[in-house]
Amino acid sequence: MVSNTRLYGAAIAFASGLYSLWSASMTARMGVGGWLMAAIGVVVLVHGAVLLTSYASRLRSTSGPLMIGYAAVMLLLQALSGAGMTTMGGSGPGSMNGGMADGGMMGESAISAGMGWDAGMVFLALLMLVSGVIMTRERDSTEM
């Protein structure tokens, strides 16, 4: 039987991974940051799927730290993008979803418009970080 912790972890991994892939696919041109975000999205999705199988017991002690690592990479990419140090794709420097280059927001939220970072990605990464901490905390219990 799959524990609640693994179910929550898998749900967060699916949401974060799918959002990463969607976000990377919505760019007009893919920069290095976009490719990294797409790659981490695939890895996170696979991890989420594994959490729903019997193979999760093999990841028991590393599943939480892996989630923390994925979240850290996502947050680092967002910080670099926000600082204009990496191009996630799109038409503005450092933008993930396009920017203001063509006179509109091109799919960005009002919160992240004109910024290089994506508020949705930041919040999903923070949620994944918390999930990883919870999974790490419970790795010694029989709940996992």
C-alpha atoms as a PDB file:
ATOM      1  CA  MET A   1       0.000   0.000   0.000  1.00  0.00           C
ATOM      2  CA  VAL A   2       1.233   3.480  -0.869  1.00  0.00           C
ATOM      3  CA  SER A   3       1.574   5.781   2.134  1.00  0.00           C
ATOM      4  CA  ASN A   4       0.048   9.250   2.283  1.00  0.00           C
ATOM      5  CA  THR A   5       3.540  10.779   2.321  1.00  0.00           C
ATOM      6  CA  ARG A   6       4.426   9.036  -0.940  1.00  0.00           C
ATOM      7  CA  LEU A   7       1.085  10.037  -2.469  1.00  0.00           C
ATOM      8  CA  TYR A   8       1.641  13.693  -1.559  1.00  0.00           C
ATOM      9  CA  GLY A   9       5.230  13.542  -2.797  1.00  0.00           C
ATOM     10  CA  ALA A  10       4.138  11.996  -6.094  1.00  0.00           C
ATOM     11  CA  ALA A  11       1.371  14.589  -6.565  1.00  0.00           C
ATOM     12  CA  ILE A  12       3.817  17.436  -5.969  1.00  0.00           C
ATOM     13  CA  ALA A  13       6.373  15.809  -8.285  1.00  0.00           C
ATOM     14  CA  PHE A  14       3.768  15.446 -11.051  1.00  0.00           C
ATOM     15  CA  ALA A  15       2.619  19.055 -10.691  1.00  0.00           C
ATOM     16  CA  SER A  16       6.172  20.422 -10.611  1.00  0.00           C
ATOM     17  CA  GLY A  17       7.464  18.185 -13.386  1.00  0.00           C
ATOM     18  CA  LEU A  18       4.552  18.851 -15.718  1.00  0.00           C
ATOM     19  CA  TYR A  19       4.724  22.585 -15.056  1.00  0.00           C
ATOM     20  CA  SER A  20       8.469  22.557 -15.778  1.00  0.00           C
ATOM     21  CA  LEU A  21       7.909  20.767 -19.076  1.00  0.00           C
ATOM     22  CA  TRP A  22       4.996  22.996 -20.036  1.00  0.00           C
ATOM     23  CA  SER A  23       6.909  26.131 -19.137  1.00  0.00           C
ATOM     24  CA  ALA A  24       9.966  25.063 -21.130  1.00  0.00           C
ATOM     25  CA  SER A  25       7.811  24.087 -24.133  1.00  0.00           C
ATOM     26  CA  MET A  26       6.055  27.466 -24.276  1.00  0.00           C
ATOM     27  CA  THR A  27       9.193  29.397 -25.197  1.00  0.00           C
ATOM     28  CA  ALA A  28       9.818  30.755 -28.675  1.00  0.00           C
ATOM     29  CA  ARG A  29      13.418  29.576 -28.520  1.00  0.00           C
ATOM     30  CA  MET A  30      14.983  27.287 -25.987  1.00  0.00           C
ATOM     31  CA  GLY A  31      17.941  28.631 -24.016  1.00  0.00           C
ATOM     32  CA  VAL A  32      20.233  26.634 -21.758  1.00  0.00           C
ATOM     33  CA  GLY A  33      18.014  27.356 -18.764  1.00  0.00           C
ATOM     34  CA  GLY A  34      14.970  26.105 -20.668  1.00  0.00           C
ATOM     35  CA  TRP A  35      16.686  22.833 -21.539  1.00  0.00           C
ATOM     36  CA  LEU A  36      17.772  22.397 -17.916  1.00  0.00           C
ATOM     37  CA  MET A  37      14.227  23.092 -16.721  1.00  0.00           C
ATOM     38  CA  ALA A  38      12.832  20.560 -19.212  1.00  0.00           C
ATOM     39  CA  ALA A  39      15.375  17.955 -18.092  1.00  0.00           C
ATOM     40  CA  ILE A  40      14.625  18.471 -14.415  1.00  0.00           C
ATOM     41  CA  GLY A  41      10.906  18.242 -15.257  1.00  0.00           C
ATOM     42  CA  VAL A  42      11.408  14.794 -16.806  1.00  0.00           C
ATOM     43  CA  VAL A  43      13.507  13.605 -13.863  1.00  0.00           C
ATOM     44  CA  VAL A  44      10.936  14.870 -11.349  1.00  0.00           C
ATOM     45  CA  LEU A  45       8.093  13.164 -13.246  1.00  0.00           C
ATOM     46  CA  VAL A  46       9.966   9.854 -13.244  1.00  0.00           C
ATOM     47  CA  HIS A  47      10.637  10.216  -9.510  1.00  0.00           C
ATOM     48  CA  GLY A  48       6.940  10.908  -8.904  1.00  0.00           C
ATOM     49  CA  ALA A  49       5.984   7.790 -10.853  1.00  0.00           C
ATOM     50  CA  VAL A  50       8.495   5.688  -8.917  1.00  0.00           C
ATOM     51  CA  LEU A  51       6.972   6.903  -5.639  1.00  0.00           C
ATOM     52  CA  LEU A  52       3.743   5.157  -6.650  1.00  0.00           C
ATOM     53  CA  THR A  53       5.425   1.796  -7.220  1.00  0.00           C
ATOM     54  CA  SER A  54       7.117  -0.840  -5.104  1.00  0.00           C
ATOM     55  CA  TYR A  55      10.483   0.530  -6.285  1.00  0.00           C
ATOM     56  CA  ALA A  56       9.991   3.463  -3.910  1.00  0.00           C
ATOM     57  CA  SER A  57      11.275   1.268  -1.076  1.00  0.00           C
ATOM     58  CA  ARG A  58      14.674   1.269  -2.836  1.00  0.00           C
ATOM     59  CA  LEU A  59      14.701   5.075  -2.708  1.00  0.00           C
ATOM     60  CA  ARG A  60      13.584   5.154   0.907  1.00  0.00           C
ATOM     61  CA  SER A  61      16.501   7.083   2.379  1.00  0.00           C
ATOM     62  CA  THR A  62      17.228   9.197  -0.697  1.00  0.00           C
ATOM     63  CA  SER A  63      13.772  10.191  -1.932  1.00  0.00           C
ATOM     64  CA  GLY A  64      13.425  13.230   0.337  1.00  0.00           C
ATOM     65  CA  PRO A  65      16.932  14.562  -0.324  1.00  0.00           C
ATOM     66  CA  LEU A  66      16.349  14.070  -4.069  1.00  0.00           C
ATOM     67  CA  MET A  67      13.182  16.201  -3.865  1.00  0.00           C
ATOM     68  CA  ILE A  68      15.150  18.858  -1.965  1.00  0.00           C
ATOM     69  CA  GLY A  69      17.814  18.755  -4.684  1.00  0.00           C
ATOM     70  CA  TYR A  70      15.276  19.123  -7.502  1.00  0.00           C
ATOM     71  CA  ALA A  71      13.694  22.074  -5.701  1.00  0.00           C
ATOM     72  CA  ALA A  72      17.108  23.689  -5.204  1.00  0.00           C
ATOM     73  CA  VAL A  73      17.921  23.366  -8.920  1.00  0.00           C
ATOM     74  CA  MET A  74      14.537  24.843  -9.875  1.00  0.00           C
ATOM     75  CA  LEU A  75      14.973  27.744  -7.460  1.00  0.00           C
ATOM     76  CA  LEU A  76      18.546  28.349  -8.674  1.00  0.00           C
ATOM     77  CA  LEU A  77      17.391  28.453 -12.301  1.00  0.00           C
ATOM     78  CA  GLN A  78      14.630  30.895 -11.355  1.00  0.00           C
ATOM     79  CA  ALA A  79      17.077  33.089  -9.413  1.00  0.00           C
ATOM     80  CA  LEU A  80      19.520  33.143 -12.343  1.00  0.00           C
ATOM     81  CA  SER A  81      16.678  33.876 -14.741  1.00  0.00           C
ATOM     82  CA  GLY A  82      15.399  36.689 -12.516  1.00  0.00           C
ATOM     83  CA  ALA A  83      18.863  38.202 -12.426  1.00  0.00           C
ATOM     84  CA  GLY A  84      19.039  38.026 -16.228  1.00  0.00           C
ATOM     85  CA  MET A  85      21.965  35.612 -16.049  1.00  0.00           C
ATOM     86  CA  THR A  86      20.316  32.836 -18.063  1.00  0.00           C
ATOM     87  CA  THR A  87      17.804  32.799 -20.861  1.00  0.00           C
ATOM     88  CA  MET A  88      14.943  30.435 -20.205  1.00  0.00           C
ATOM     89  CA  GLY A  89      13.653  31.102 -23.718  1.00  0.00           C
ATOM     90  CA  GLY A  90      11.087  33.480 -25.137  1.00  0.00           C
ATOM     91  CA  SER A  91      11.767  36.909 -26.525  1.00  0.00           C
ATOM     92  CA  GLY A  92      13.064  38.884 -23.546  1.00  0.00           C
ATOM     93  CA  PRO A  93      16.431  38.421 -21.854  1.00  0.00           C
ATOM     94  CA  GLY A  94      16.081  36.048 -18.939  1.00  0.00           C
ATOM     95  CA  SER A  95      12.386  35.536 -19.568  1.00  0.00           C
ATOM     96  CA  MET A  96      10.751  32.169 -19.204  1.00  0.00           C
ATOM     97  CA  ASN A  97       7.464  32.825 -20.961  1.00  0.00           C
ATOM     98  CA  GLY A  98       8.215  35.637 -23.348  1.00  0.00           C
ATOM     99  CA  GLY A  99       8.479  38.993 -21.645  1.00  0.00           C
ATOM    100  CA  MET A 100       7.230  42.329 -22.900  1.00  0.00           C
ATOM    101  CA  ALA A 101       9.049  42.370 -26.267  1.00  0.00           C
ATOM    102  CA  ASP A 102       5.993  42.242 -28.520  1.00  0.00           C
ATOM    103  CA  GLY A 103       3.860  44.664 -26.556  1.00  0.00           C
ATOM    104  CA  GLY A 104       2.071  42.104 -24.385  1.00  0.00           C
ATOM    105  CA  MET A 105       2.640  39.771 -21.526  1.00  0.00           C
ATOM    106  CA  MET A 106       2.510  36.675 -23.769  1.00  0.00           C
ATOM    107  CA  GLY A 107       1.165  34.277 -21.159  1.00  0.00           C
ATOM    108  CA  GLU A 108       2.926  35.560 -18.079  1.00  0.00           C
ATOM    109  CA  SER A 109       1.068  36.176 -14.860  1.00  0.00           C
ATOM    110  CA  ALA A 110       0.692  39.750 -13.670  1.00  0.00           C
ATOM    111  CA  ILE A 111       3.004  38.923 -10.768  1.00  0.00           C
ATOM    112  CA  SER A 112       5.890  37.802 -12.962  1.00  0.00           C
ATOM    113  CA  ALA A 113       5.326  40.132 -15.928  1.00  0.00           C
ATOM    114  CA  GLY A 114       8.487  41.973 -16.795  1.00  0.00           C
ATOM    115  CA  MET A 115      10.541  39.803 -14.446  1.00  0.00           C
ATOM    116  CA  GLY A 116      12.751  36.970 -15.562  1.00  0.00           C
ATOM    117  CA  TRP A 117      11.349  34.520 -13.045  1.00  0.00           C
ATOM    118  CA  ASP A 118       8.117  32.589 -12.995  1.00  0.00           C
ATOM    119  CA  ALA A 119       6.167  32.919  -9.749  1.00  0.00           C
ATOM    120  CA  GLY A 120       4.313  29.633 -10.350  1.00  0.00           C
ATOM    121  CA  MET A 121       7.589  27.759 -10.704  1.00  0.00           C
ATOM    122  CA  VAL A 122       9.007  29.374  -7.574  1.00  0.00           C
ATOM    123  CA  PHE A 123       5.980  28.380  -5.496  1.00  0.00           C
ATOM    124  CA  LEU A 124       5.938  24.813  -6.855  1.00  0.00           C
ATOM    125  CA  ALA A 125       9.665  24.501  -6.118  1.00  0.00           C
ATOM    126  CA  LEU A 126       9.085  25.754  -2.566  1.00  0.00           C
ATOM    127  CA  LEU A 127       6.279  23.225  -2.147  1.00  0.00           C
ATOM    128  CA  MET A 128       8.592  20.493  -3.428  1.00  0.00           C
ATOM    129  CA  LEU A 129      11.269  21.658  -1.001  1.00  0.00           C
ATOM    130  CA  VAL A 130       8.849  21.313   1.921  1.00  0.00           C
ATOM    131  CA  SER A 131       7.766  17.908   0.621  1.00  0.00           C
ATOM    132  CA  GLY A 132      11.392  16.777   0.489  1.00  0.00           C
ATOM    133  CA  VAL A 133      11.975  17.949   4.046  1.00  0.00           C
ATOM    134  CA  ILE A 134       8.885  16.043   5.234  1.00  0.00           C
ATOM    135  CA  MET A 135       9.958  12.925   3.347  1.00  0.00           C
ATOM    136  CA  THR A 136      13.462  13.178   4.811  1.00  0.00           C
ATOM    137  CA  ARG A 137      12.044  13.618   8.297  1.00  0.00           C
ATOM    138  CA  GLU A 138       9.835  10.543   7.909  1.00  0.00           C
ATOM    139  CA  ARG A 139      12.347   8.318   6.129  1.00  0.00           C
ATOM    140  CA  ASP A 140      13.113   6.438   9.317  1.00  0.00           C
ATOM    141  CA  SER A 141       9.480   5.758  10.090  1.00  0.00           C
ATOM    142  CA  THR A 142       7.402   2.927   8.697  1.00  0.00           C
ATOM    143  CA  GLU A 143       5.160   5.543   6.994  1.00  0.00           C
ATOM    144  CA  MET A 144       7.375   5.653   3.899  1.00  0.00           C
END
